[in-house]
């Protein structure tokens, strides 16, 4: 599994793959822990509906990538995650 990820992400070692996976995990946990406090600033739990939740998930995307870049730099993988974010956002651009 690590070898496939290493090749796919063009990383140098299995340790680097492990660090990248840890960064993704830390980012996910951080966003998960921030969700409720952020949502409670805008509406009580009882007042939230599917539209509110959909808007939240759209708006949290840039925050996720900022946190991902922060953790990436902290763990010494800034170059990889900068490229990852650029590649991901390039997929959102219109094709001509």
Protein backbone atom coordinates (compact mmCIF):
# COMPACT_ATOMS: atom_id res chain seq x y z
CA UNK A 1 0.00 0.00 0.00
CA UNK A 2 2.75 2.46 0.94
CA UNK A 3 4.61 1.64 -2.27
CA UNK A 4 1.57 2.46 -4.43
CA UNK A 5 1.05 5.77 -2.63
CA UNK A 6 4.76 6.57 -2.86
CA UNK A 7 4.69 6.09 -6.62
CA UNK A 8 1.38 7.88 -7.12
CA UNK A 9 2.44 10.91 -5.10
CA UNK A 10 6.03 10.78 -6.40
CA UNK A 11 7.54 10.65 -2.91
CA UNK A 12 11.01 9.44 -2.01
CA UNK A 13 10.35 7.04 0.87
CA UNK A 14 7.78 5.17 2.87
CA UNK A 15 8.43 7.52 5.79
CA UNK A 16 7.43 10.45 3.63
CA UNK A 17 4.19 8.65 2.75
CA UNK A 18 3.53 8.09 6.45
CA UNK A 19 4.11 11.78 7.21
CA UNK A 20 1.75 12.81 4.39
CA UNK A 21 -0.94 10.47 5.75
CA UNK A 22 -0.45 11.90 9.26
CA UNK A 23 -0.88 15.42 7.88
CA UNK A 24 -4.15 14.42 6.18
CA UNK A 25 -5.34 12.82 9.44
CA UNK A 26 -4.43 15.86 11.56
CA UNK A 27 -6.20 18.15 9.10
CA UNK A 28 -9.34 16.02 9.13
CA UNK A 29 -9.45 15.89 12.92
CA UNK A 30 -8.90 19.64 13.18
CA UNK A 31 -11.75 20.41 10.78
CA UNK A 32 -13.96 17.91 12.63
CA UNK A 33 -13.26 19.57 15.98
CA UNK A 34 -13.80 23.07 14.57
CA UNK A 35 -17.15 22.22 12.94
CA UNK A 36 -19.46 22.51 15.93
CA UNK A 37 -18.00 25.74 17.37
CA UNK A 38 -18.12 27.39 13.95
CA UNK A 39 -21.66 26.24 13.24
CA UNK A 40 -22.88 27.32 16.67
CA UNK A 41 -21.79 30.88 15.86
CA UNK A 42 -24.35 31.01 13.06
CA UNK A 43 -27.29 28.88 14.21
CA UNK A 44 -28.46 26.65 17.02
CA UNK A 45 -28.30 22.91 16.39
CA UNK A 46 -32.10 22.66 16.14
CA UNK A 47 -32.28 25.40 13.50
CA UNK A 48 -29.87 23.80 11.04
CA UNK A 49 -31.25 22.12 7.95
CA UNK A 50 -29.76 20.45 4.89
CA UNK A 51 -29.27 23.77 3.07
CA UNK A 52 -27.27 25.16 5.98
CA UNK A 53 -25.14 22.02 6.11
CA UNK A 54 -24.51 22.10 2.34
CA UNK A 55 -23.39 25.73 2.49
CA UNK A 56 -21.08 24.88 5.40
CA UNK A 57 -19.37 22.09 3.44
CA UNK A 58 -18.83 24.38 0.46
CA UNK A 59 -17.39 27.16 2.63
CA UNK A 60 -15.17 24.86 4.73
CA UNK A 61 -13.24 23.71 1.65
CA UNK A 62 -10.84 26.71 1.54
CA UNK A 63 -10.38 26.50 5.33
CA UNK A 64 -9.49 22.81 4.98
CA UNK A 65 -6.78 23.60 2.44
CA UNK A 66 -5.34 26.38 4.61
CA UNK A 67 -5.14 24.01 7.57
CA UNK A 68 -3.67 21.32 5.30
CA UNK A 69 -0.92 23.71 4.17
CA UNK A 70 -0.19 24.73 7.77
CA UNK A 71 0.21 21.12 8.92
CA UNK A 72 2.19 20.35 5.76
CA UNK A 73 4.72 23.05 6.57
CA UNK A 74 4.85 22.05 10.25
CA UNK A 75 5.65 18.45 9.27
CA UNK A 76 8.20 19.51 6.65
CA UNK A 77 6.12 18.57 3.62
CA UNK A 78 5.22 22.07 2.44
CA UNK A 79 6.41 21.49 -1.12
CA UNK A 80 4.23 18.38 -1.52
CA UNK A 81 1.10 20.01 -0.08
CA UNK A 82 1.55 23.25 -2.01
CA UNK A 83 1.59 21.21 -5.20
CA UNK A 84 -1.33 19.10 -3.98
CA UNK A 85 -3.48 22.18 -3.29
CA UNK A 86 -2.57 23.79 -6.63
CA UNK A 87 -3.43 20.58 -8.47
CA UNK A 88 -6.75 20.26 -6.62
CA UNK A 89 -7.80 23.86 -7.30
CA UNK A 90 -6.79 23.56 -10.95
CA UNK A 91 -9.49 20.89 -11.28
CA UNK A 92 -12.10 23.51 -10.35
CA UNK A 93 -11.12 25.82 -13.19
CA UNK A 94 -13.17 25.82 -16.36
CA UNK A 95 -11.86 23.87 -19.28
CA UNK A 96 -11.50 25.92 -22.46
